[in-house]
């Protein structure tokens, strides 16, 4: 069996004549946090949708647990153990913590016309699952809309772990969160890693990614700038590659020239 649970080899995805991602190489290991970094429009969303079974690769090879796969749908990827938590979280604000935790996978009791949702058992499981991620829910029947953004993010992660995820793909989990909430979410990511899951963390915030990551893959305009172990790159190196060091240098030179012209005018 391969040491990597996911491997991409020269994977590309086209939409007609538009090249969304091109020749992406990437390896994801169990018990590691693999950060996928890139600015807006770098191809991160297309890549995670390819990993999650939304899009099939146009070219290249996708290996899962050492075997080539072509997922026909996100459900097929989920059944294989690849769970994706998108930015919108797929939660219903007016429904309870427990209802959201078990949405689409309800546990039942009784038979025939008496078959119904086992709310007592579900409450206990949801409460325990959230507690394991560091979130103490006093009342699992409370509406999810009453919880903070960080707590909702943690619920979505806890739900994925409970239902047997091997690979957890998190799409911008700290976007629009405050400092404390972001820290709580990153703690949950660390707990998922400690449980032996492979975590793919998509972000453009290097300050959130660097402390938690073991490995980085950087994207720019649909192409990979390479994959690096944390020991191989500094935070500043990652920032420069993301921002495009040469482009920033050119911008700085242009701004200095504008300032010089204004001063002599």
C-alpha atoms as a PDB file:
ATOM      1  CA  UNK A   1       0.000   0.000   0.000  1.00  0.00           C
ATOM      2  CA  UNK A   2       1.238   3.504  -0.851  1.00  0.00           C
ATOM      3  CA  UNK A   3       2.420   5.721   2.022  1.00  0.00           C
ATOM      4  CA  UNK A   4       0.220   8.484   0.558  1.00  0.00           C
ATOM      5  CA  UNK A   5      -3.570   8.205   0.715  1.00  0.00           C
ATOM      6  CA  UNK A   6      -4.005  10.657  -2.197  1.00  0.00           C
ATOM      7  CA  UNK A   7      -1.654  11.235  -5.125  1.00  0.00           C
ATOM      8  CA  UNK A   8      -2.216  13.491  -8.111  1.00  0.00           C
ATOM      9  CA  UNK A   9       0.037  12.990 -11.114  1.00  0.00           C
ATOM     10  CA  UNK A  10      -0.014  15.722 -13.788  1.00  0.00           C
ATOM     11  CA  UNK A  11      -3.716  16.350 -13.183  1.00  0.00           C
ATOM     12  CA  UNK A  12      -5.379  18.992 -15.365  1.00  0.00           C
ATOM     13  CA  UNK A  13      -8.949  20.218 -15.617  1.00  0.00           C
ATOM     14  CA  UNK A  14     -10.341  22.083 -18.621  1.00  0.00           C
ATOM     15  CA  UNK A  15     -13.669  23.803 -19.139  1.00  0.00           C
ATOM     16  CA  UNK A  16     -13.882  24.059 -22.917  1.00  0.00           C
ATOM     17  CA  UNK A  17     -10.881  26.140 -23.957  1.00  0.00           C
ATOM     18  CA  UNK A  18     -10.335  27.445 -20.404  1.00  0.00           C
ATOM     19  CA  UNK A  19      -7.495  25.778 -18.485  1.00  0.00           C
ATOM     20  CA  UNK A  20      -8.515  25.836 -14.797  1.00  0.00           C
ATOM     21  CA  UNK A  21      -5.613  23.738 -13.457  1.00  0.00           C
ATOM     22  CA  UNK A  22      -2.663  22.315 -15.371  1.00  0.00           C
ATOM     23  CA  UNK A  23      -0.223  19.457 -14.559  1.00  0.00           C
ATOM     24  CA  UNK A  24      -0.779  19.436 -10.790  1.00  0.00           C
ATOM     25  CA  UNK A  25       1.352  17.017  -8.754  1.00  0.00           C
ATOM     26  CA  UNK A  26       0.333  16.545  -5.128  1.00  0.00           C
ATOM     27  CA  UNK A  27       0.743  13.925  -2.392  1.00  0.00           C
ATOM     28  CA  UNK A  28      -1.334  13.725   0.791  1.00  0.00           C
ATOM     29  CA  UNK A  29      -0.356  11.600   3.772  1.00  0.00           C
ATOM     30  CA  UNK A  30      -2.396  10.308   6.718  1.00  0.00           C
ATOM     31  CA  UNK A  31      -1.660  12.152   9.950  1.00  0.00           C
ATOM     32  CA  UNK A  32      -0.501  15.264   8.121  1.00  0.00           C
ATOM     33  CA  UNK A  33      -1.965  18.698   7.429  1.00  0.00           C
ATOM     34  CA  UNK A  34      -1.369  19.577   3.786  1.00  0.00           C
ATOM     35  CA  UNK A  35      -1.988  23.253   3.090  1.00  0.00           C
ATOM     36  CA  UNK A  36      -3.096  24.261  -0.372  1.00  0.00           C
ATOM     37  CA  UNK A  37      -2.165  27.912  -0.788  1.00  0.00           C
ATOM     38  CA  UNK A  38      -2.855  30.420  -3.505  1.00  0.00           C
ATOM     39  CA  UNK A  39      -4.390  33.786  -4.159  1.00  0.00           C
ATOM     40  CA  UNK A  40      -7.902  34.260  -5.564  1.00  0.00           C
ATOM     41  CA  UNK A  41      -8.132  32.704  -9.032  1.00  0.00           C
ATOM     42  CA  UNK A  42      -5.156  30.398  -8.442  1.00  0.00           C
ATOM     43  CA  UNK A  43      -7.228  27.242  -9.053  1.00  0.00           C
ATOM     44  CA  UNK A  44      -7.764  26.119  -5.454  1.00  0.00           C
ATOM     45  CA  UNK A  45     -11.532  25.665  -5.792  1.00  0.00           C
ATOM     46  CA  UNK A  46     -11.233  23.642  -8.999  1.00  0.00           C
ATOM     47  CA  UNK A  47      -8.579  21.426  -7.441  1.00  0.00           C
ATOM     48  CA  UNK A  48     -10.586  20.633  -4.313  1.00  0.00           C
ATOM     49  CA  UNK A  49     -13.695  19.941  -6.393  1.00  0.00           C
ATOM     50  CA  UNK A  50     -11.600  17.519  -8.434  1.00  0.00           C
ATOM     51  CA  UNK A  51     -10.413  15.842  -5.231  1.00  0.00           C
ATOM     52  CA  UNK A  52     -13.991  15.741  -3.882  1.00  0.00           C
ATOM     53  CA  UNK A  53     -15.511  14.123  -6.984  1.00  0.00           C
ATOM     54  CA  UNK A  54     -17.368  17.170  -8.332  1.00  0.00           C
ATOM     55  CA  UNK A  55     -15.123  17.282 -11.419  1.00  0.00           C
ATOM     56  CA  UNK A  56     -13.257  14.403 -13.035  1.00  0.00           C
ATOM     57  CA  UNK A  57      -9.686  15.197 -14.172  1.00  0.00           C
ATOM     58  CA  UNK A  58      -9.439  16.066 -17.867  1.00  0.00           C
ATOM     59  CA  UNK A  59      -5.867  14.726 -17.926  1.00  0.00           C
ATOM     60  CA  UNK A  60      -3.538  13.019 -15.505  1.00  0.00           C
ATOM     61  CA  UNK A  61      -4.001  10.367 -12.834  1.00  0.00           C
ATOM     62  CA  UNK A  62      -5.797  10.490  -9.485  1.00  0.00           C
ATOM     63  CA  UNK A  63      -4.721   7.775  -7.017  1.00  0.00           C
ATOM     64  CA  UNK A  64      -6.587   7.009  -3.794  1.00  0.00           C
ATOM     65  CA  UNK A  65      -4.983   4.521  -1.411  1.00  0.00           C
ATOM     66  CA  UNK A  66      -2.538   3.641  -4.178  1.00  0.00           C
ATOM     67  CA  UNK A  67      -5.198   2.807  -6.792  1.00  0.00           C
ATOM     68  CA  UNK A  68      -6.364   4.916  -9.762  1.00  0.00           C
ATOM     69  CA  UNK A  69      -9.879   6.278  -9.238  1.00  0.00           C
ATOM     70  CA  UNK A  70     -12.444   8.325 -11.140  1.00  0.00           C
ATOM     71  CA  UNK A  71     -15.197   9.443  -8.791  1.00  0.00           C
ATOM     72  CA  UNK A  72     -18.532   9.819 -10.558  1.00  0.00           C
ATOM     73  CA  UNK A  73     -19.959  12.080  -7.855  1.00  0.00           C
ATOM     74  CA  UNK A  74     -19.156  13.704  -4.497  1.00  0.00           C
ATOM     75  CA  UNK A  75     -21.246  10.966  -2.827  1.00  0.00           C
ATOM     76  CA  UNK A  76     -18.881   8.333  -4.221  1.00  0.00           C
ATOM     77  CA  UNK A  77     -15.867  10.256  -2.894  1.00  0.00           C
ATOM     78  CA  UNK A  78     -17.582  10.655   0.500  1.00  0.00           C
ATOM     79  CA  UNK A  79     -18.355   6.937   0.687  1.00  0.00           C
ATOM     80  CA  UNK A  80     -14.647   6.281   0.045  1.00  0.00           C
ATOM     81  CA  UNK A  81     -13.721   8.499   2.993  1.00  0.00           C
ATOM     82  CA  UNK A  82     -13.075  11.907   1.390  1.00  0.00           C
ATOM     83  CA  UNK A  83     -15.162  14.511   3.218  1.00  0.00           C
ATOM     84  CA  UNK A  84     -15.233  18.152   2.137  1.00  0.00           C
ATOM     85  CA  UNK A  85     -16.306  21.050   4.339  1.00  0.00           C
ATOM     86  CA  UNK A  86     -17.043  24.031   2.085  1.00  0.00           C
ATOM     87  CA  UNK A  87     -17.200  27.659   3.159  1.00  0.00           C
ATOM     88  CA  UNK A  88     -21.018  27.626   3.327  1.00  0.00           C
ATOM     89  CA  UNK A  89     -20.773  24.545   5.649  1.00  0.00           C
ATOM     90  CA  UNK A  90     -24.050  23.016   4.310  1.00  0.00           C
ATOM     91  CA  UNK A  91     -25.819  23.729   7.607  1.00  0.00           C
ATOM     92  CA  UNK A  92     -29.412  24.856   8.182  1.00  0.00           C
ATOM     93  CA  UNK A  93     -29.457  27.746  10.726  1.00  0.00           C
ATOM     94  CA  UNK A  94     -33.008  27.089  11.981  1.00  0.00           C
ATOM     95  CA  UNK A  95     -32.403  23.386  12.609  1.00  0.00           C
ATOM     96  CA  UNK A  96     -30.865  22.027  15.812  1.00  0.00           C
ATOM     97  CA  UNK A  97     -27.265  20.993  16.409  1.00  0.00           C
ATOM     98  CA  UNK A  98     -28.310  17.328  16.355  1.00  0.00           C
ATOM     99  CA  UNK A  99     -30.433  17.639  13.199  1.00  0.00           C
ATOM    100  CA  UNK A 100     -27.528  19.295  11.389  1.00  0.00           C
ATOM    101  CA  UNK A 101     -25.049  16.723  12.703  1.00  0.00           C
ATOM    102  CA  UNK A 102     -27.092  13.813  11.295  1.00  0.00           C
ATOM    103  CA  UNK A 103     -28.576  15.544   8.238  1.00  0.00           C
ATOM    104  CA  UNK A 104     -29.045  12.912   5.521  1.00  0.00           C
ATOM    105  CA  UNK A 105     -27.700  10.145   7.765  1.00  0.00           C
ATOM    106  CA  UNK A 106     -30.335  10.002  10.484  1.00  0.00           C
ATOM    107  CA  UNK A 107     -30.295   7.120  12.966  1.00  0.00           C
ATOM    108  CA  UNK A 108     -33.726   5.613  13.473  1.00  0.00           C
ATOM    109  CA  UNK A 109     -35.648   3.357  15.809  1.00  0.00           C
ATOM    110  CA  UNK A 110     -38.848   1.389  15.355  1.00  0.00           C
ATOM    111  CA  UNK A 111     -40.094  -0.425  12.245  1.00  0.00           C
ATOM    112  CA  UNK A 112     -42.452   0.192   9.381  1.00  0.00           C
ATOM    113  CA  UNK A 113     -44.816   3.107   9.936  1.00  0.00           C
ATOM    114  CA  UNK A 114     -43.363   3.495  13.474  1.00  0.00           C
ATOM    115  CA  UNK A 115     -39.827   4.106  12.199  1.00  0.00           C
ATOM    116  CA  UNK A 116     -38.616   7.493  13.430  1.00  0.00           C
ATOM    117  CA  UNK A 117     -35.531   9.554  14.186  1.00  0.00           C
ATOM    118  CA  UNK A 118     -33.897   8.388  17.431  1.00  0.00           C
ATOM    119  CA  UNK A 119     -33.471  11.888  18.849  1.00  0.00           C
ATOM    120  CA  UNK A 120     -32.273  10.819  22.331  1.00  0.00           C
ATOM    121  CA  UNK A 121     -29.377   8.717  21.009  1.00  0.00           C
ATOM    122  CA  UNK A 122     -28.593  11.293  18.329  1.00  0.00           C
ATOM    123  CA  UNK A 123     -28.405  14.074  20.950  1.00  0.00           C
ATOM    124  CA  UNK A 124     -25.887  12.071  22.970  1.00  0.00           C
ATOM    125  CA  UNK A 125     -23.720  11.277  19.931  1.00  0.00           C
ATOM    126  CA  UNK A 126     -23.773  14.858  18.639  1.00  0.00           C
ATOM    127  CA  UNK A 127     -22.913  16.257  22.067  1.00  0.00           C
ATOM    128  CA  UNK A 128     -20.052  13.758  22.488  1.00  0.00           C
ATOM    129  CA  UNK A 129     -18.730  14.392  18.958  1.00  0.00           C
ATOM    130  CA  UNK A 130     -18.662  18.145  19.547  1.00  0.00           C
ATOM    131  CA  UNK A 131     -17.024  17.711  22.982  1.00  0.00           C
ATOM    132  CA  UNK A 132     -14.228  15.653  21.393  1.00  0.00           C
ATOM    133  CA  UNK A 133     -13.513  18.637  19.151  1.00  0.00           C
ATOM    134  CA  UNK A 134     -13.411  20.970  22.163  1.00  0.00           C
ATOM    135  CA  UNK A 135     -16.915  22.467  21.809  1.00  0.00           C
ATOM    136  CA  UNK A 136     -19.206  21.962  24.808  1.00  0.00           C
ATOM    137  CA  UNK A 137     -22.826  22.117  23.660  1.00  0.00           C
ATOM    138  CA  UNK A 138     -25.173  22.528  26.624  1.00  0.00           C
ATOM    139  CA  UNK A 139     -28.322  21.873  24.643  1.00  0.00           C
ATOM    140  CA  UNK A 140     -28.010  19.872  21.373  1.00  0.00           C
ATOM    141  CA  UNK A 141     -31.576  20.877  20.514  1.00  0.00           C
ATOM    142  CA  UNK A 142     -30.549  24.553  20.173  1.00  0.00           C
ATOM    143  CA  UNK A 143     -30.693  26.048  16.684  1.00  0.00           C
ATOM    144  CA  UNK A 144     -27.344  26.083  14.897  1.00  0.00           C
ATOM    145  CA  UNK A 145     -27.965  29.730  14.030  1.00  0.00           C
ATOM    146  CA  UNK A 146     -27.410  30.653  17.699  1.00  0.00           C
ATOM    147  CA  UNK A 147     -23.810  29.384  17.577  1.00  0.00           C
ATOM    148  CA  UNK A 148     -20.744  31.371  16.522  1.00  0.00           C
ATOM    149  CA  UNK A 149     -19.128  30.951  13.105  1.00  0.00           C
ATOM    150  CA  UNK A 150     -16.229  29.048  14.650  1.00  0.00           C
ATOM    151  CA  UNK A 151     -18.565  26.655  16.480  1.00  0.00           C
ATOM    152  CA  UNK A 152     -20.518  25.983  13.278  1.00  0.00           C
ATOM    153  CA  UNK A 153     -17.244  25.266  11.478  1.00  0.00           C
ATOM    154  CA  UNK A 154     -16.255  22.853  14.249  1.00  0.00           C
ATOM    155  CA  UNK A 155     -19.635  21.091  14.000  1.00  0.00           C
ATOM    156  CA  UNK A 156     -19.167  20.539  10.265  1.00  0.00           C
ATOM    157  CA  UNK A 157     -15.693  19.081  10.910  1.00  0.00           C
ATOM    158  CA  UNK A 158     -16.900  16.899  13.807  1.00  0.00           C
ATOM    159  CA  UNK A 159     -19.722  15.570  11.613  1.00  0.00           C
ATOM    160  CA  UNK A 160     -17.276  14.568   8.866  1.00  0.00           C
ATOM    161  CA  UNK A 161     -14.984  12.812  11.364  1.00  0.00           C
ATOM    162  CA  UNK A 162     -17.871  10.963  13.034  1.00  0.00           C
ATOM    163  CA  UNK A 163     -19.036   9.500   9.727  1.00  0.00           C
ATOM    164  CA  UNK A 164     -15.650   7.950   8.973  1.00  0.00           C
ATOM    165  CA  UNK A 165     -13.666  10.474   6.958  1.00  0.00           C
ATOM    166  CA  UNK A 166     -10.092   9.452   6.150  1.00  0.00           C
ATOM    167  CA  UNK A 167      -9.350  12.646   4.254  1.00  0.00           C
ATOM    168  CA  UNK A 168     -10.775  15.964   5.448  1.00  0.00           C
ATOM    169  CA  UNK A 169     -10.803  18.808   2.908  1.00  0.00           C
ATOM    170  CA  UNK A 170     -11.413  22.205   4.521  1.00  0.00           C
ATOM    171  CA  UNK A 171     -12.194  25.112   2.221  1.00  0.00           C
ATOM    172  CA  UNK A 172     -11.126  28.417   3.820  1.00  0.00           C
ATOM    173  CA  UNK A 173     -12.232  27.318   7.321  1.00  0.00           C
ATOM    174  CA  UNK A 174     -11.019  30.520   9.005  1.00  0.00           C
ATOM    175  CA  UNK A 175     -12.426  32.962   6.437  1.00  0.00           C
ATOM    176  CA  UNK A 176     -14.525  35.731   8.047  1.00  0.00           C
ATOM    177  CA  UNK A 177     -13.720  34.486  11.570  1.00  0.00           C
ATOM    178  CA  UNK A 178     -12.200  36.515  14.376  1.00  0.00           C
ATOM    179  CA  UNK A 179      -8.814  35.753  15.916  1.00  0.00           C
ATOM    180  CA  UNK A 180     -10.164  33.615  18.785  1.00  0.00           C
ATOM    181  CA  UNK A 181     -12.594  31.690  16.564  1.00  0.00           C
ATOM    182  CA  UNK A 182      -9.840  31.051  14.008  1.00  0.00           C
ATOM    183  CA  UNK A 183      -7.599  29.704  16.777  1.00  0.00           C
ATOM    184  CA  UNK A 184     -10.376  27.326  17.905  1.00  0.00           C
ATOM    185  CA  UNK A 185     -10.861  26.018  14.369  1.00  0.00           C
ATOM    186  CA  UNK A 186      -7.103  25.446  13.973  1.00  0.00           C
ATOM    187  CA  UNK A 187      -7.121  23.497  17.260  1.00  0.00           C
ATOM    188  CA  UNK A 188      -9.835  21.253  15.809  1.00  0.00           C
ATOM    189  CA  UNK A 189      -7.683  20.750  12.696  1.00  0.00           C
ATOM    190  CA  UNK A 190      -4.786  19.707  14.969  1.00  0.00           C
ATOM    191  CA  UNK A 191      -7.080  17.218  16.745  1.00  0.00           C
ATOM    192  CA  UNK A 192      -8.166  15.728  13.413  1.00  0.00           C
ATOM    193  CA  UNK A 193      -4.491  15.304  12.473  1.00  0.00           C
ATOM    194  CA  UNK A 194      -3.765  13.673  15.857  1.00  0.00           C
ATOM    195  CA  UNK A 195      -6.526  11.126  15.122  1.00  0.00           C
ATOM    196  CA  UNK A 196      -4.630  10.065  12.005  1.00  0.00           C
ATOM    197  CA  UNK A 197      -6.721  11.844   9.378  1.00  0.00           C
ATOM    198  CA  UNK A 198      -5.193  13.456   6.332  1.00  0.00           C
ATOM    199  CA  UNK A 199      -6.247  17.102   6.349  1.00  0.00           C
ATOM    200  CA  UNK A 200      -6.144  19.295   3.232  1.00  0.00           C
ATOM    201  CA  UNK A 201      -6.436  22.903   4.346  1.00  0.00           C
ATOM    202  CA  UNK A 202      -7.251  25.437   1.628  1.00  0.00           C
ATOM    203  CA  UNK A 203      -6.467  29.035   2.489  1.00  0.00           C
ATOM    204  CA  UNK A 204      -4.778  32.200   1.318  1.00  0.00           C
ATOM    205  CA  UNK A 205      -3.861  33.181   4.887  1.00  0.00           C
ATOM    206  CA  UNK A 206      -0.252  32.085   5.429  1.00  0.00           C
ATOM    207  CA  UNK A 207      -0.343  33.188   9.085  1.00  0.00           C
ATOM    208  CA  UNK A 208      -3.068  30.612   9.769  1.00  0.00           C
ATOM    209  CA  UNK A 209      -1.548  27.923   7.556  1.00  0.00           C
ATOM    210  CA  UNK A 210       2.093  27.973   8.601  1.00  0.00           C
ATOM    211  CA  UNK A 211       1.763  27.027  12.315  1.00  0.00           C
ATOM    212  CA  UNK A 212      -0.508  24.033  11.613  1.00  0.00           C
ATOM    213  CA  UNK A 213       0.865  22.699   8.301  1.00  0.00           C
ATOM    214  CA  UNK A 214       3.292  19.840   7.679  1.00  0.00           C
ATOM    215  CA  UNK A 215       3.407  20.247   3.910  1.00  0.00           C
ATOM    216  CA  UNK A 216       2.526  23.027   1.464  1.00  0.00           C
ATOM    217  CA  UNK A 217       1.435  23.047  -2.174  1.00  0.00           C
ATOM    218  CA  UNK A 218       1.360  26.480  -3.771  1.00  0.00           C
ATOM    219  CA  UNK A 219      -0.841  27.333  -6.748  1.00  0.00           C
ATOM    220  CA  UNK A 220      -0.584  30.311  -9.063  1.00  0.00           C
ATOM    221  CA  UNK A 221      -2.873  30.822 -12.067  1.00  0.00           C
ATOM    222  CA  UNK A 222      -3.811  27.156 -12.268  1.00  0.00           C
ATOM    223  CA  UNK A 223      -0.280  25.803 -12.036  1.00  0.00           C
ATOM    224  CA  UNK A 224       1.690  24.391  -9.127  1.00  0.00           C
ATOM    225  CA  UNK A 225       4.729  26.262  -7.860  1.00  0.00           C
ATOM    226  CA  UNK A 226       5.728  23.058  -6.085  1.00  0.00           C
ATOM    227  CA  UNK A 227       5.147  21.125  -2.864  1.00  0.00           C
ATOM    228  CA  UNK A 228       7.351  21.734   0.161  1.00  0.00           C
ATOM    229  CA  UNK A 229       7.792  20.276   3.616  1.00  0.00           C
ATOM    230  CA  UNK A 230       7.576  22.841   6.411  1.00  0.00           C
ATOM    231  CA  UNK A 231      11.265  22.274   7.177  1.00  0.00           C
ATOM    232  CA  UNK A 232      12.151  23.361   3.623  1.00  0.00           C
ATOM    233  CA  UNK A 233      10.501  26.792   3.558  1.00  0.00           C
ATOM    234  CA  UNK A 234      10.088  29.717   5.912  1.00  0.00           C
ATOM    235  CA  UNK A 235       6.889  31.688   6.367  1.00  0.00           C
ATOM    236  CA  UNK A 236       8.491  34.545   4.399  1.00  0.00           C
ATOM    237  CA  UNK A 237       9.366  32.189   1.503  1.00  0.00           C
ATOM    238  CA  UNK A 238       5.752  31.016   1.327  1.00  0.00           C
ATOM    239  CA  UNK A 239       4.459  34.586   1.401  1.00  0.00           C
ATOM    240  CA  UNK A 240       6.796  35.642  -1.387  1.00  0.00           C
ATOM    241  CA  UNK A 241       5.833  32.705  -3.617  1.00  0.00           C
ATOM    242  CA  UNK A 242       2.126  33.326  -3.014  1.00  0.00           C
ATOM    243  CA  UNK A 243       2.329  37.046  -3.666  1.00  0.00           C
ATOM    244  CA  UNK A 244       4.683  36.728  -6.623  1.00  0.00           C
ATOM    245  CA  UNK A 245       7.958  38.252  -5.487  1.00  0.00           C
ATOM    246  CA  UNK A 246       8.909  39.633  -8.893  1.00  0.00           C
ATOM    247  CA  UNK A 247       5.488  41.278  -9.385  1.00  0.00           C
ATOM    248  CA  UNK A 248       5.728  42.960  -5.976  1.00  0.00           C
ATOM    249  CA  UNK A 249       9.241  44.211  -6.741  1.00  0.00           C
ATOM    250  CA  UNK A 250       8.001  45.689 -10.039  1.00  0.00           C
ATOM    251  CA  UNK A 251       5.034  47.324  -8.275  1.00  0.00           C
ATOM    252  CA  UNK A 252       7.323  48.801  -5.611  1.00  0.00           C
ATOM    253  CA  UNK A 253       9.612  50.211  -8.312  1.00  0.00           C
ATOM    254  CA  UNK A 254       6.628  51.756 -10.145  1.00  0.00           C
ATOM    255  CA  UNK A 255       5.283  53.360  -6.959  1.00  0.00           C
ATOM    256  CA  UNK A 256       8.710  54.782  -6.143  1.00  0.00           C
ATOM    257  CA  UNK A 257       8.901  56.214  -9.665  1.00  0.00           C
ATOM    258  CA  UNK A 258       5.451  57.832  -9.255  1.00  0.00           C
ATOM    259  CA  UNK A 259       6.572  59.367  -5.949  1.00  0.00           C
ATOM    260  CA  UNK A 260       9.748  60.713  -7.581  1.00  0.00           C
ATOM    261  CA  UNK A 261       7.774  62.263 -10.464  1.00  0.00           C
ATOM    262  CA  UNK A 262       5.291  63.845  -8.032  1.00  0.00           C
ATOM    263  CA  UNK A 263       8.153  65.317  -6.025  1.00  0.00           C
ATOM    264  CA  UNK A 264       9.753  66.905  -9.111  1.00  0.00           C
ATOM    265  CA  UNK A 265       6.471  68.193 -10.574  1.00  0.00           C
END
